[in-house]
Protein backbone atom coordinates (compact mmCIF):
# COMPACT_ATOMS: atom_id res chain seq x y z
CA MET A 1 -9.81 3.84 -20.09
CA ARG A 2 -10.59 7.46 -20.79
CA ILE A 3 -14.06 8.90 -20.83
CA HIS A 4 -14.08 12.47 -22.09
CA ASN A 5 -17.86 12.75 -22.26
CA LEU A 6 -19.27 12.06 -18.81
CA GLN A 7 -22.62 11.19 -20.37
CA LEU A 8 -21.05 7.97 -21.69
CA ASP A 9 -21.89 5.00 -19.50
CA TRP A 10 -18.59 4.05 -17.83
CA ILE A 11 -19.59 0.36 -17.66
CA GLU A 12 -20.07 0.43 -21.44
CA ALA A 13 -16.62 2.03 -21.76
CA LEU A 14 -15.14 -0.64 -19.49
CA HIS A 15 -16.55 -3.44 -21.66
CA ARG A 16 -15.21 -1.81 -24.82
CA GLU A 17 -11.74 -1.21 -23.36
CA VAL A 18 -11.38 -4.70 -21.89
CA LEU A 19 -12.36 -6.21 -25.23
CA GLU A 20 -9.90 -3.97 -27.12
CA GLU A 21 -7.02 -4.53 -24.69
CA THR A 22 -7.47 -8.25 -23.90
CA GLY A 23 -9.86 -9.77 -26.42
CA LEU A 24 -12.16 -10.80 -23.55
CA SER A 25 -15.85 -10.16 -23.06
CA VAL A 26 -16.48 -9.59 -19.34
CA VAL A 27 -19.24 -9.17 -16.80
CA TYR A 28 -18.56 -6.31 -14.36
CA LEU A 29 -19.32 -7.51 -10.83
CA ARG A 30 -18.37 -4.70 -8.46
CA PRO A 31 -15.75 -2.07 -7.66
CA LEU A 32 -12.73 -3.10 -5.58
CA SER A 33 -11.22 0.34 -5.08
CA MET A 34 -11.28 3.90 -6.36
CA TRP A 35 -8.39 6.29 -6.82
CA SER A 36 -7.70 9.73 -8.21
CA PHE A 37 -4.83 12.08 -8.91
CA HIS A 38 -4.20 15.40 -10.61
CA LYS A 39 -2.41 14.92 -13.92
CA ASP A 40 -1.90 18.67 -14.14
CA GLU A 41 -3.63 21.72 -12.73
CA ASP A 42 -6.53 21.38 -15.18
CA THR A 43 -6.97 17.60 -15.23
CA GLN A 44 -8.00 15.23 -12.46
CA LEU A 45 -8.14 11.51 -13.21
CA LEU A 46 -10.53 9.20 -11.38
CA GLY A 47 -10.05 5.45 -11.60
CA VAL A 48 -12.03 2.42 -10.51
CA THR A 49 -10.40 -0.97 -10.04
CA GLY A 50 -13.17 -3.46 -10.60
CA LEU A 51 -13.87 -7.15 -10.24
CA CYS A 52 -14.91 -8.73 -13.55
CA LEU A 53 -15.74 -12.22 -14.70
CA ALA A 54 -14.54 -13.31 -18.14
CA ARG A 55 -17.43 -14.69 -20.18
CA ASP A 56 -15.31 -16.63 -22.65
CA GLY A 57 -12.28 -16.50 -24.88
CA GLN A 58 -8.54 -16.51 -24.54
CA VAL A 59 -6.49 -13.50 -23.49
CA GLN A 60 -4.98 -11.78 -26.51
CA LEU A 61 -3.16 -8.69 -25.29
CA SER A 62 -3.05 -5.58 -27.45
CA VAL A 63 0.34 -4.23 -28.48
CA GLU A 64 0.08 -1.75 -25.59
CA HIS A 65 0.58 -4.53 -23.03
CA ASP A 66 3.16 -7.23 -22.41
CA ASP A 67 1.82 -9.21 -19.44
CA PHE A 68 -1.28 -10.07 -17.43
CA ALA A 69 -2.11 -11.99 -14.26
CA TRP A 70 -5.15 -13.92 -13.04
CA VAL A 71 -5.59 -13.24 -9.33
CA THR A 72 -8.03 -14.17 -6.60
CA ARG A 73 -10.21 -11.53 -4.98
CA GLU A 74 -7.86 -11.41 -2.01
CA GLN A 75 -4.78 -11.10 -4.22
CA ALA A 76 -6.41 -8.32 -6.24
CA LEU A 77 -6.52 -6.11 -3.16
CA THR A 78 -2.74 -6.33 -2.73
CA HIS A 79 -1.49 -7.24 -6.23
CA ARG A 80 1.07 -4.77 -7.51
CA MET A 81 0.04 -3.52 -10.93
């Protein structure tokens, strides 16, 4: 997910992106990890891997994706994405 305007609530952006990419409505529970890297000398990306609970629905991946995995909390910490 990309947030260009830092005034946008990132949890709101997460909900929107998950819905667009998977068709699922989720509840954000907590962060699992954070990461960052420099895309170029002017752009630093910051990411949060979060634990979410699906409210309902079936996974319907967008055309941008070809696979998904349901993992336990423990597996999420070591799952290769």
